[in-house]
């Protein structure tokens, strides 16, 4: 028997529900951080686009032959 095994046995039964809820909370937090980073990147892109002037597209009086 390994020392780690005896420590695990003396610690008592693992509460699976608690472990799963902790894992779920960590995953949710990680997903929220990823989402926040994506939103921050999008905000930077929108900020850069907003700083550029809008240039009108030239229109011609003649219809396009194609």
Protein backbone atom coordinates (compact mmCIF):
# COMPACT_ATOMS: atom_id res chain seq x y z
CA UNK A 1 0.00 0.00 0.00
CA UNK A 2 1.24 3.46 -0.88
CA UNK A 3 1.53 6.23 1.72
CA UNK A 4 -0.86 8.38 -0.31
CA UNK A 5 -3.39 5.54 -0.29
CA UNK A 6 -3.32 5.29 3.51
CA UNK A 7 -3.75 9.08 3.81
CA UNK A 8 -6.73 8.95 1.49
CA UNK A 9 -8.31 6.14 3.49
CA UNK A 10 -7.80 7.93 6.80
CA UNK A 11 -9.35 11.08 5.38
CA UNK A 12 -12.68 9.31 5.02
CA UNK A 13 -15.00 8.97 2.06
CA UNK A 14 -14.81 11.54 -0.66
CA UNK A 15 -17.94 13.63 -1.00
CA UNK A 16 -18.52 13.27 -4.71
CA UNK A 17 -21.30 15.85 -4.88
CA UNK A 18 -19.15 18.52 -3.29
CA UNK A 19 -16.22 17.73 -5.55
CA UNK A 20 -18.42 17.87 -8.64
CA UNK A 21 -19.99 21.17 -7.62
CA UNK A 22 -16.52 22.63 -6.98
CA UNK A 23 -15.37 21.43 -10.41
CA UNK A 24 -18.50 22.88 -12.01
CA UNK A 25 -17.92 26.21 -10.26
CA UNK A 26 -14.31 26.29 -11.43
CA UNK A 27 -15.37 25.49 -15.00
CA UNK A 28 -18.05 28.17 -14.91
CA UNK A 29 -15.57 30.72 -13.58
CA UNK A 30 -13.08 29.77 -16.28
CA UNK A 31 -15.75 30.05 -18.97
CA UNK A 32 -16.79 33.46 -17.64
CA UNK A 33 -13.19 34.65 -17.72
CA UNK A 34 -12.82 33.45 -21.31
CA UNK A 35 -16.07 35.17 -22.26
CA UNK A 36 -14.97 38.39 -20.56
CA UNK A 37 -11.67 38.29 -22.47
CA UNK A 38 -13.56 37.84 -25.75
CA UNK A 39 -15.83 40.77 -24.90
CA UNK A 40 -12.81 42.91 -24.07
CA UNK A 41 -11.28 42.05 -27.44
CA UNK A 42 -14.53 42.89 -29.19
CA UNK A 43 -14.72 46.20 -27.34
CA UNK A 44 -11.21 47.05 -28.52
CA UNK A 45 -12.15 46.18 -32.11
CA UNK A 46 -15.27 48.35 -31.91
CA UNK A 47 -13.27 51.18 -30.38
CA UNK A 48 -10.79 51.01 -33.27
CA UNK A 49 -13.62 50.96 -35.82
CA UNK A 50 -15.33 53.91 -34.14
CA UNK A 51 -12.13 55.95 -34.42
CA UNK A 52 -12.05 55.54 -38.20
CA UNK A 53 -14.04 58.06 -40.23
CA UNK A 54 -16.84 56.74 -42.36
CA UNK A 55 -16.00 57.26 -46.00
CA UNK A 56 -18.92 57.44 -48.40
CA UNK A 57 -18.81 55.03 -51.31
CA UNK A 58 -18.58 56.82 -54.63
CA UNK A 59 -21.67 56.55 -56.78
CA UNK A 60 -21.72 57.10 -60.47
CA UNK A 61 -24.54 58.56 -62.52
CA UNK A 62 -24.17 55.74 -65.05
CA UNK A 63 -25.56 52.31 -64.29
CA UNK A 64 -23.09 49.49 -63.93
CA UNK A 65 -22.90 47.59 -67.29
CA UNK A 66 -22.41 44.28 -65.50
